[in-house]
Amino acid sequence: AAPKDRDIAMVFQNYALYPHMTVA
């Protein structure tokens, strides 16, 4: 199955946050 179809949420080592977006 594709990752989007597995109903999982991943937390990575490097946070993988979008720098131009707010926390919300």
mmCIF file of all heavy atoms, coordinates in Angstrom:
data_MODEL
# 
_entry.id   MODEL 
# 
loop_
_atom_site.group_PDB 
_atom_site.id 
_atom_site.type_symbol 
_atom_site.label_atom_id 
_atom_site.label_alt_id 
_atom_site.label_comp_id 
_atom_site.label_asym_id 
_atom_site.label_entity_id 
_atom_site.label_seq_id 
_atom_site.pdbx_PDB_ins_code 
_atom_site.Cartn_x 
_atom_site.Cartn_y 
_atom_site.Cartn_z 
_atom_site.occupancy 
_atom_site.B_iso_or_equiv 
_atom_site.pdbx_formal_charge 
_atom_site.auth_seq_id 
_atom_site.auth_comp_id 
_atom_site.auth_asym_id 
_atom_site.auth_atom_id 
_atom_site.pdbx_PDB_model_num 
ATOM 1   N N   . ALA A 1 1  ? 0.827  -1.198 0.000  1.00 0.00 ? 1  ALA A N   1 
ATOM 2   C CA  . ALA A 1 1  ? 0.000  0.000  0.000  1.00 0.00 ? 1  ALA A CA  1 
ATOM 3   C C   . ALA A 1 1  ? 0.867  1.256  0.000  1.00 0.00 ? 1  ALA A C   1 
ATOM 4   O O   . ALA A 1 1  ? 1.986  1.268  0.529  1.00 0.00 ? 1  ALA A O   1 
ATOM 5   C CB  . ALA A 1 1  ? -0.926 0.003  1.219  1.00 0.00 ? 1  ALA A CB  1 
ATOM 6   N N   . ALA A 1 2  ? 0.353  2.329  -0.601 1.00 0.00 ? 2  ALA A N   1 
ATOM 7   C CA  . ALA A 1 2  ? 1.064  3.607  -0.599 1.00 0.00 ? 2  ALA A CA  1 
ATOM 8   C C   . ALA A 1 2  ? 1.102  4.167  0.816  1.00 0.00 ? 2  ALA A C   1 
ATOM 9   O O   . ALA A 1 2  ? 0.194  3.915  1.615  1.00 0.00 ? 2  ALA A O   1 
ATOM 10  C CB  . ALA A 1 2  ? 0.365  4.584  -1.536 1.00 0.00 ? 2  ALA A CB  1 
ATOM 11  N N   . PRO A 1 3  ? 2.138  4.934  1.160  1.00 0.00 ? 3  PRO A N   1 
ATOM 12  C CA  . PRO A 1 3  ? 2.239  5.493  2.513  1.00 0.00 ? 3  PRO A CA  1 
ATOM 13  C C   . PRO A 1 3  ? 0.990  6.260  2.941  1.00 0.00 ? 3  PRO A C   1 
ATOM 14  O O   . PRO A 1 3  ? 0.546  6.139  4.089  1.00 0.00 ? 3  PRO A O   1 
ATOM 15  C CB  . PRO A 1 3  ? 3.455  6.419  2.424  1.00 0.00 ? 3  PRO A CB  1 
ATOM 16  C CG  . PRO A 1 3  ? 4.304  5.819  1.353  1.00 0.00 ? 3  PRO A CG  1 
ATOM 17  C CD  . PRO A 1 3  ? 3.343  5.252  0.349  1.00 0.00 ? 3  PRO A CD  1 
ATOM 18  N N   . LYS A 1 4  ? 0.384  7.019  2.039  1.00 0.00 ? 4  LYS A N   1 
ATOM 19  C CA  . LYS A 1 4  ? -0.785 7.830  2.387  1.00 0.00 ? 4  LYS A CA  1 
ATOM 20  C C   . LYS A 1 4  ? -2.018 6.986  2.708  1.00 0.00 ? 4  LYS A C   1 
ATOM 21  O O   . LYS A 1 4  ? -2.976 7.474  3.314  1.00 0.00 ? 4  LYS A O   1 
ATOM 22  C CB  . LYS A 1 4  ? -1.113 8.801  1.247  1.00 0.00 ? 4  LYS A CB  1 
ATOM 23  C CG  . LYS A 1 4  ? -1.528 8.125  -0.052 1.00 0.00 ? 4  LYS A CG  1 
ATOM 24  C CD  . LYS A 1 4  ? -1.774 9.142  -1.148 1.00 0.00 ? 4  LYS A CD  1 
ATOM 25  C CE  . LYS A 1 4  ? -2.202 8.488  -2.459 1.00 0.00 ? 4  LYS A CE  1 
ATOM 26  N NZ  . LYS A 1 4  ? -3.472 7.802  -2.369 1.00 0.00 ? 4  LYS A NZ  1 
ATOM 27  N N   . ASP A 1 5  ? -1.989 5.706  2.293  1.00 0.00 ? 5  ASP A N   1 
ATOM 28  C CA  . ASP A 1 5  ? -3.137 4.832  2.513  1.00 0.00 ? 5  ASP A CA  1 
ATOM 29  C C   . ASP A 1 5  ? -2.982 3.942  3.742  1.00 0.00 ? 5  ASP A C   1 
ATOM 30  O O   . ASP A 1 5  ? -3.818 3.068  3.974  1.00 0.00 ? 5  ASP A O   1 
ATOM 31  C CB  . ASP A 1 5  ? -3.368 3.952  1.276  1.00 0.00 ? 5  ASP A CB  1 
ATOM 32  C CG  . ASP A 1 5  ? -3.698 4.769  0.032  1.00 0.00 ? 5  ASP A CG  1 
ATOM 33  O OD1 . ASP A 1 5  ? -4.335 5.829  0.184  1.00 0.00 ? 5  ASP A OD1 1 
ATOM 34  O OD2 . ASP A 1 5  ? -3.313 4.360  -1.080 1.00 0.00 ? 5  ASP A OD2 1 
ATOM 35  N N   . ARG A 1 6  ? -1.933 4.145  4.523  1.00 0.00 ? 6  ARG A N   1 
ATOM 36  C CA  . ARG A 1 6  ? -1.659 3.245  5.660  1.00 0.00 ? 6  ARG A CA  1 
ATOM 37  C C   . ARG A 1 6  ? -2.188 3.774  6.989  1.00 0.00 ? 6  ARG A C   1 
ATOM 38  O O   . ARG A 1 6  ? -2.142 3.065  7.995  1.00 0.00 ? 6  ARG A O   1 
ATOM 39  C CB  . ARG A 1 6  ? -0.157 2.981  5.775  1.00 0.00 ? 6  ARG A CB  1 
ATOM 40  C CG  . ARG A 1 6  ? 0.408  2.304  4.527  1.00 0.00 ? 6  ARG A CG  1 
ATOM 41  C CD  . ARG A 1 6  ? 1.809  1.803  4.739  1.00 0.00 ? 6  ARG A CD  1 
ATOM 42  N NE  . ARG A 1 6  ? 2.321  1.169  3.520  1.00 0.00 ? 6  ARG A NE  1 
ATOM 43  C CZ  . ARG A 1 6  ? 3.260  0.239  3.480  1.00 0.00 ? 6  ARG A CZ  1 
ATOM 44  N NH1 . ARG A 1 6  ? 3.796  -0.185 4.611  1.00 0.00 ? 6  ARG A NH1 1 
ATOM 45  N NH2 . ARG A 1 6  ? 3.656  -0.266 2.338  1.00 0.00 ? 6  ARG A NH2 1 
ATOM 46  N N   . ASP A 1 7  ? -2.627 5.008  7.020  1.00 0.00 ? 7  ASP A N   1 
ATOM 47  C CA  . ASP A 1 7  ? -3.151 5.630  8.241  1.00 0.00 ? 7  ASP A CA  1 
ATOM 48  C C   . ASP A 1 7  ? -2.114 5.598  9.361  1.00 0.00 ? 7  ASP A C   1 
ATOM 49  O O   . ASP A 1 7  ? -2.378 5.177  10.487 1.00 0.00 ? 7  ASP A O   1 
ATOM 50  C CB  . ASP A 1 7  ? -4.445 4.949  8.691  1.00 0.00 ? 7  ASP A CB  1 
ATOM 51  C CG  . ASP A 1 7  ? -5.241 5.815  9.663  1.00 0.00 ? 7  ASP A CG  1 
ATOM 52  O OD1 . ASP A 1 7  ? -4.882 6.997  9.823  1.00 0.00 ? 7  ASP A OD1 1 
ATOM 53  O OD2 . ASP A 1 7  ? -6.200 5.309  10.270 1.00 0.00 ? 7  ASP A OD2 1 
ATOM 54  N N   . ILE A 1 8  ? -0.900 6.048  9.019  1.00 0.00 ? 8  ILE A N   1 
ATOM 55  C CA  . ILE A 1 8  ? 0.168  6.176  10.002 1.00 0.00 ? 8  ILE A CA  1 
ATOM 56  C C   . ILE A 1 8  ? 0.635  7.635  10.009 1.00 0.00 ? 8  ILE A C   1 
ATOM 57  O O   . ILE A 1 8  ? 0.423  8.381  9.048  1.00 0.00 ? 8  ILE A O   1 
ATOM 58  C CB  . ILE A 1 8  ? 1.353  5.226  9.720  1.00 0.00 ? 8  ILE A CB  1 
ATOM 59  C CG1 . ILE A 1 8  ? 1.965  5.531  8.348  1.00 0.00 ? 8  ILE A CG1 1 
ATOM 60  C CG2 . ILE A 1 8  ? 0.922  3.782  9.786  1.00 0.00 ? 8  ILE A CG2 1 
ATOM 61  C CD1 . ILE A 1 8  ? 3.201  6.364  8.386  1.00 0.00 ? 8  ILE A CD1 1 
ATOM 62  N N   . ALA A 1 9  ? 1.271  8.047  11.091 1.00 0.00 ? 9  ALA A N   1 
ATOM 63  C CA  . ALA A 1 9  ? 1.874  9.375  11.169 1.00 0.00 ? 9  ALA A CA  1 
ATOM 64  C C   . ALA A 1 9  ? 3.328  9.198  11.588 1.00 0.00 ? 9  ALA A C   1 
ATOM 65  O O   . ALA A 1 9  ? 3.617  8.465  12.527 1.00 0.00 ? 9  ALA A O   1 
ATOM 66  C CB  . ALA A 1 9  ? 1.127  10.260 12.161 1.00 0.00 ? 9  ALA A CB  1 
ATOM 67  N N   . MET A 1 10 ? 4.221  9.880  10.873 1.00 0.00 ? 10 MET A N   1 
ATOM 68  C CA  . MET A 1 10 ? 5.652  9.701  11.085 1.00 0.00 ? 10 MET A CA  1 
ATOM 69  C C   . MET A 1 10 ? 6.237  10.932 11.786 1.00 0.00 ? 10 MET A C   1 
ATOM 70  O O   . MET A 1 10 ? 5.916  12.066 11.437 1.00 0.00 ? 10 MET A O   1 
ATOM 71  C CB  . MET A 1 10 ? 6.338  9.500  9.733  1.00 0.00 ? 10 MET A CB  1 
ATOM 72  C CG  . MET A 1 10 ? 7.770  9.045  9.816  1.00 0.00 ? 10 MET A CG  1 
ATOM 73  S SD  . MET A 1 10 ? 7.910  7.260  9.643  1.00 0.00 ? 10 MET A SD  1 
ATOM 74  C CE  . MET A 1 10 ? 9.686  7.062  9.613  1.00 0.00 ? 10 MET A CE  1 
ATOM 75  N N   . VAL A 1 11 ? 7.074  10.692 12.773 1.00 0.00 ? 11 VAL A N   1 
ATOM 76  C CA  . VAL A 1 11 ? 7.835  11.757 13.421 1.00 0.00 ? 11 VAL A CA  1 
ATOM 77  C C   . VAL A 1 11 ? 9.307  11.487 13.139 1.00 0.00 ? 11 VAL A C   1 
ATOM 78  O O   . VAL A 1 11 ? 9.838  10.446 13.528 1.00 0.00 ? 11 VAL A O   1 
ATOM 79  C CB  . VAL A 1 11 ? 7.583  11.801 14.939 1.00 0.00 ? 11 VAL A CB  1 
ATOM 80  C CG1 . VAL A 1 11 ? 8.390  12.927 15.583 1.00 0.00 ? 11 VAL A CG1 1 
ATOM 81  C CG2 . VAL A 1 11 ? 6.092  11.997 15.229 1.00 0.00 ? 11 VAL A CG2 1 
ATOM 82  N N   . PHE A 1 12 ? 9.968  12.440 12.461 1.00 0.00 ? 12 PHE A N   1 
ATOM 83  C CA  . PHE A 1 12 ? 11.338 12.225 12.001 1.00 0.00 ? 12 PHE A CA  1 
ATOM 84  C C   . PHE A 1 12 ? 12.355 12.815 12.962 1.00 0.00 ? 12 PHE A C   1 
ATOM 85  O O   . PHE A 1 12 ? 12.046 13.661 13.819 1.00 0.00 ? 12 PHE A O   1 
ATOM 86  C CB  . PHE A 1 12 ? 11.535 12.851 10.617 1.00 0.00 ? 12 PHE A CB  1 
ATOM 87  C CG  . PHE A 1 12 ? 10.724 12.214 9.521  1.00 0.00 ? 12 PHE A CG  1 
ATOM 88  C CD1 . PHE A 1 12 ? 9.501  12.747 9.148  1.00 0.00 ? 12 PHE A CD1 1 
ATOM 89  C CD2 . PHE A 1 12 ? 11.185 11.084 8.863  1.00 0.00 ? 12 PHE A CD2 1 
ATOM 90  C CE1 . PHE A 1 12 ? 8.747  12.166 8.132  1.00 0.00 ? 12 PHE A CE1 1 
ATOM 91  C CE2 . PHE A 1 12 ? 10.437 10.500 7.855  1.00 0.00 ? 12 PHE A CE2 1 
ATOM 92  C CZ  . PHE A 1 12 ? 9.220  11.040 7.487  1.00 0.00 ? 12 PHE A CZ  1 
ATOM 93  N N   . GLN A 1 13 ? 13.598 12.419 12.750 1.00 0.00 ? 13 GLN A N   1 
ATOM 94  C CA  . GLN A 1 13 ? 14.719 12.885 13.548 1.00 0.00 ? 13 GLN A CA  1 
ATOM 95  C C   . GLN A 1 13 ? 14.939 14.392 13.377 1.00 0.00 ? 13 GLN A C   1 
ATOM 96  O O   . GLN A 1 13 ? 15.270 15.095 14.321 1.00 0.00 ? 13 GLN A O   1 
ATOM 97  C CB  . GLN A 1 13 ? 15.976 12.117 13.133 1.00 0.00 ? 13 GLN A CB  1 
ATOM 98  C CG  . GLN A 1 13 ? 17.260 12.550 13.804 1.00 0.00 ? 13 GLN A CG  1 
ATOM 99  C CD  . GLN A 1 13 ? 18.441 11.708 13.337 1.00 0.00 ? 13 GLN A CD  1 
ATOM 100 O OE1 . GLN A 1 13 ? 18.278 10.628 12.796 1.00 0.00 ? 13 GLN A OE1 1 
ATOM 101 N NE2 . GLN A 1 13 ? 19.633 12.219 13.530 1.00 0.00 ? 13 GLN A NE2 1 
ATOM 102 N N   . ASN A 1 14 ? 14.756 14.902 12.149 1.00 0.00 ? 14 ASN A N   1 
ATOM 103 C CA  . ASN A 1 14 ? 15.072 16.307 11.862 1.00 0.00 ? 14 ASN A CA  1 
ATOM 104 C C   . ASN A 1 14 ? 13.851 17.219 11.883 1.00 0.00 ? 14 ASN A C   1 
ATOM 105 O O   . ASN A 1 14 ? 13.867 18.312 11.314 1.00 0.00 ? 14 ASN A O   1 
ATOM 106 C CB  . ASN A 1 14 ? 15.765 16.415 10.509 1.00 0.00 ? 14 ASN A CB  1 
ATOM 107 C CG  . ASN A 1 14 ? 14.896 15.915 9.368  1.00 0.00 ? 14 ASN A CG  1 
ATOM 108 O OD1 . ASN A 1 14 ? 13.773 15.458 9.591  1.00 0.00 ? 14 ASN A OD1 1 
ATOM 109 N ND2 . ASN A 1 14 ? 15.400 16.000 8.145  1.00 0.00 ? 14 ASN A ND2 1 
ATOM 110 N N   . TYR A 1 15 ? 12.761 16.756 12.493 1.00 0.00 ? 15 TYR A N   1 
ATOM 111 C CA  . TYR A 1 15 ? 11.526 17.517 12.682 1.00 0.00 ? 15 TYR A CA  1 
ATOM 112 C C   . TYR A 1 15 ? 10.729 17.690 11.399 1.00 0.00 ? 15 TYR A C   1 
ATOM 113 O O   . TYR A 1 15 ? 9.510  17.610 11.403 1.00 0.00 ? 15 TYR A O   1 
ATOM 114 C CB  . TYR A 1 15 ? 11.765 18.913 13.308 1.00 0.00 ? 15 TYR A CB  1 
ATOM 115 C CG  . TYR A 1 15 ? 12.763 18.950 14.427 1.00 0.00 ? 15 TYR A CG  1 
ATOM 116 C CD1 . TYR A 1 15 ? 13.700 19.959 14.515 1.00 0.00 ? 15 TYR A CD1 1 
ATOM 117 C CD2 . TYR A 1 15 ? 12.791 17.955 15.409 1.00 0.00 ? 15 TYR A CD2 1 
ATOM 118 C CE1 . TYR A 1 15 ? 14.632 20.010 15.541 1.00 0.00 ? 15 TYR A CE1 1 
ATOM 119 C CE2 . TYR A 1 15 ? 13.714 17.984 16.448 1.00 0.00 ? 15 TYR A CE2 1 
ATOM 120 C CZ  . TYR A 1 15 ? 14.635 19.015 16.501 1.00 0.00 ? 15 TYR A CZ  1 
ATOM 121 O OH  . TYR A 1 15 ? 15.550 19.050 17.512 1.00 0.00 ? 15 TYR A OH  1 
ATOM 122 N N   . ALA A 1 16 ? 11.406 18.009 10.262 1.00 0.00 ? 16 ALA A N   1 
ATOM 123 C CA  . ALA A 1 16 ? 10.757 18.157 8.952  1.00 0.00 ? 16 ALA A CA  1 
ATOM 124 C C   . ALA A 1 16 ? 9.627  19.183 8.984  1.00 0.00 ? 16 ALA A C   1 
ATOM 125 O O   . ALA A 1 16 ? 8.536  18.947 8.465  1.00 0.00 ? 16 ALA A O   1 
ATOM 126 C CB  . ALA A 1 16 ? 10.230 16.805 8.467  1.00 0.00 ? 16 ALA A CB  1 
ATOM 127 N N   . LEU A 1 17 ? 9.904  20.342 9.594  1.00 0.00 ? 17 LEU A N   1 
ATOM 128 C CA  . LEU A 1 17 ? 8.914  21.420 9.651  1.00 0.00 ? 17 LEU A CA  1 
ATOM 129 C C   . LEU A 1 17 ? 9.139  22.387 8.488  1.00 0.00 ? 17 LEU A C   1 
ATOM 130 O O   . LEU A 1 17 ? 10.266 22.582 8.030  1.00 0.00 ? 17 LEU A O   1 
ATOM 131 C CB  . LEU A 1 17 ? 9.019  22.181 10.971 1.00 0.00 ? 17 LEU A CB  1 
ATOM 132 C CG  . LEU A 1 17 ? 8.818  21.363 12.252 1.00 0.00 ? 17 LEU A CG  1 
ATOM 133 C CD1 . LEU A 1 17 ? 9.030  22.252 13.475 1.00 0.00 ? 17 LEU A CD1 1 
ATOM 134 C CD2 . LEU A 1 17 ? 7.440  20.727 12.284 1.00 0.00 ? 17 LEU A CD2 1 
ATOM 135 N N   . TYR A 1 18 ? 8.058  23.008 8.022  1.00 0.00 ? 18 TYR A N   1 
ATOM 136 C CA  . TYR A 1 18 ? 8.172  24.024 6.976  1.00 0.00 ? 18 TYR A CA  1 
ATOM 137 C C   . TYR A 1 18 ? 8.572  25.348 7.621  1.00 0.00 ? 18 TYR A C   1 
ATOM 138 O O   . TYR A 1 18 ? 7.828  25.899 8.439  1.00 0.00 ? 18 TYR A O   1 
ATOM 139 C CB  . TYR A 1 18 ? 6.835  24.181 6.246  1.00 0.00 ? 18 TYR A CB  1 
ATOM 140 C CG  . TYR A 1 18 ? 6.417  22.957 5.474  1.00 0.00 ? 18 TYR A CG  1 
ATOM 141 C CD1 . TYR A 1 18 ? 5.382  22.143 5.939  1.00 0.00 ? 18 TYR A CD1 1 
ATOM 142 C CD2 . TYR A 1 18 ? 7.061  22.599 4.295  1.00 0.00 ? 18 TYR A CD2 1 
ATOM 143 C CE1 . TYR A 1 18 ? 4.990  21.007 5.238  1.00 0.00 ? 18 TYR A CE1 1 
ATOM 144 C CE2 . TYR A 1 18 ? 6.681  21.467 3.582  1.00 0.00 ? 18 TYR A CE2 1 
ATOM 145 C CZ  . TYR A 1 18 ? 5.648  20.679 4.061  1.00 0.00 ? 18 TYR A CZ  1 
ATOM 146 O OH  . TYR A 1 18 ? 5.280  19.554 3.358  1.00 0.00 ? 18 TYR A OH  1 
ATOM 147 N N   . PRO A 1 19 ? 9.751  25.899 7.269  1.00 0.00 ? 19 PRO A N   1 
ATOM 148 C CA  . PRO A 1 19 ? 10.258 27.096 7.961  1.00 0.00 ? 19 PRO A CA  1 
ATOM 149 C C   . PRO A 1 19 ? 9.421  28.347 7.714  1.00 0.00 ? 19 PRO A C   1 
ATOM 150 O O   . PRO A 1 19 ? 9.415  29.267 8.538  1.00 0.00 ? 19 PRO A O   1 
ATOM 151 C CB  . PRO A 1 19 ? 11.673 27.258 7.401  1.00 0.00 ? 19 PRO A CB  1 
ATOM 152 C CG  . PRO A 1 19 ? 11.663 26.543 6.086  1.00 0.00 ? 19 PRO A CG  1 
ATOM 153 C CD  . PRO A 1 19 ? 10.699 25.400 6.254  1.00 0.00 ? 19 PRO A CD  1 
ATOM 154 N N   . HIS A 1 20 ? 8.706  28.412 6.581  1.00 0.00 ? 20 HIS A N   1 
ATOM 155 C CA  . HIS A 1 20 ? 7.946  29.620 6.251  1.00 0.00 ? 20 HIS A CA  1 
ATOM 156 C C   . HIS A 1 20 ? 6.547  29.607 6.855  1.00 0.00 ? 20 HIS A C   1 
ATOM 157 O O   . HIS A 1 20 ? 5.822  30.598 6.776  1.00 0.00 ? 20 HIS A O   1 
ATOM 158 C CB  . HIS A 1 20 ? 7.837  29.773 4.729  1.00 0.00 ? 20 HIS A CB  1 
ATOM 159 C CG  . HIS A 1 20 ? 7.093  28.653 4.069  1.00 0.00 ? 20 HIS A CG  1 
ATOM 160 N ND1 . HIS A 1 20 ? 7.657  27.406 3.893  1.00 0.00 ? 20 HIS A ND1 1 
ATOM 161 C CD2 . HIS A 1 20 ? 5.826  28.582 3.556  1.00 0.00 ? 20 HIS A CD2 1 
ATOM 162 C CE1 . HIS A 1 20 ? 6.777  26.613 3.283  1.00 0.00 ? 20 HIS A CE1 1 
ATOM 163 N NE2 . HIS A 1 20 ? 5.659  27.304 3.082  1.00 0.00 ? 20 HIS A NE2 1 
ATOM 164 N N   . MET A 1 21 ? 6.147  28.480 7.460  1.00 0.00 ? 21 MET A N   1 
ATOM 165 C CA  . MET A 1 21 ? 4.814  28.367 8.053  1.00 0.00 ? 21 MET A CA  1 
ATOM 166 C C   . MET A 1 21 ? 4.866  28.570 9.564  1.00 0.00 ? 21 MET A C   1 
ATOM 167 O O   . MET A 1 21 ? 5.874  28.272 10.210 1.00 0.00 ? 21 MET A O   1 
ATOM 168 C CB  . MET A 1 21 ? 4.211  26.982 7.777  1.00 0.00 ? 21 MET A CB  1 
ATOM 169 C CG  . MET A 1 21 ? 3.866  26.707 6.347  1.00 0.00 ? 21 MET A CG  1 
ATOM 170 S SD  . MET A 1 21 ? 3.063  25.075 6.238  1.00 0.00 ? 21 MET A SD  1 
ATOM 171 C CE  . MET A 1 21 ? 2.817  24.950 4.460  1.00 0.00 ? 21 MET A CE  1 
ATOM 172 N N   . THR A 1 22 ? 3.753  29.033 10.127 1.00 0.00 ? 22 THR A N   1 
ATOM 173 C CA  . THR A 1 22 ? 3.641  29.125 11.584 1.00 0.00 ? 22 THR A CA  1 
ATOM 174 C C   . THR A 1 22 ? 3.486  27.723 12.171 1.00 0.00 ? 22 THR A C   1 
ATOM 175 O O   . THR A 1 22 ? 3.269  26.743 11.448 1.00 0.00 ? 22 THR A O   1 
ATOM 176 C CB  . THR A 1 22 ? 2.419  29.962 11.996 1.00 0.00 ? 22 THR A CB  1 
ATOM 177 O OG1 . THR A 1 22 ? 1.234  29.281 11.554 1.00 0.00 ? 22 THR A OG1 1 
ATOM 178 C CG2 . THR A 1 22 ? 2.482  31.354 11.400 1.00 0.00 ? 22 THR A CG2 1 
ATOM 179 N N   . VAL A 1 23 ? 3.587  27.651 13.497 1.00 0.00 ? 23 VAL A N   1 
ATOM 180 C CA  . VAL A 1 23 ? 3.383  26.375 14.185 1.00 0.00 ? 23 VAL A CA  1 
ATOM 181 C C   . VAL A 1 23 ? 2.003  25.817 13.868 1.00 0.00 ? 23 VAL A C   1 
ATOM 182 O O   . VAL A 1 23 ? 1.840  24.624 13.562 1.00 0.00 ? 23 VAL A O   1 
ATOM 183 C CB  . VAL A 1 23 ? 3.549  26.565 15.708 1.00 0.00 ? 23 VAL A CB  1 
ATOM 184 C CG1 . VAL A 1 23 ? 3.040  25.345 16.475 1.00 0.00 ? 23 VAL A CG1 1 
ATOM 185 C CG2 . VAL A 1 23 ? 5.007  26.816 16.042 1.00 0.00 ? 23 VAL A CG2 1 
ATOM 186 N N   . ALA A 1 24 ? 0.978  26.668 13.923 1.00 0.00 ? 24 ALA A N   1 
ATOM 187 C CA  . ALA A 1 24 ? -0.385 26.210 13.648 1.00 0.00 ? 24 ALA A CA  1 
ATOM 188 C C   . ALA A 1 24 ? -0.505 25.659 12.235 1.00 0.00 ? 24 ALA A C   1 
ATOM 189 O O   . ALA A 1 24 ? -1.130 24.612 12.010 1.00 0.00 ? 24 ALA A O   1 
ATOM 190 C CB  . ALA A 1 24 ? -1.367 27.362 13.857 1.00 0.00 ? 24 ALA A CB  1 
# 
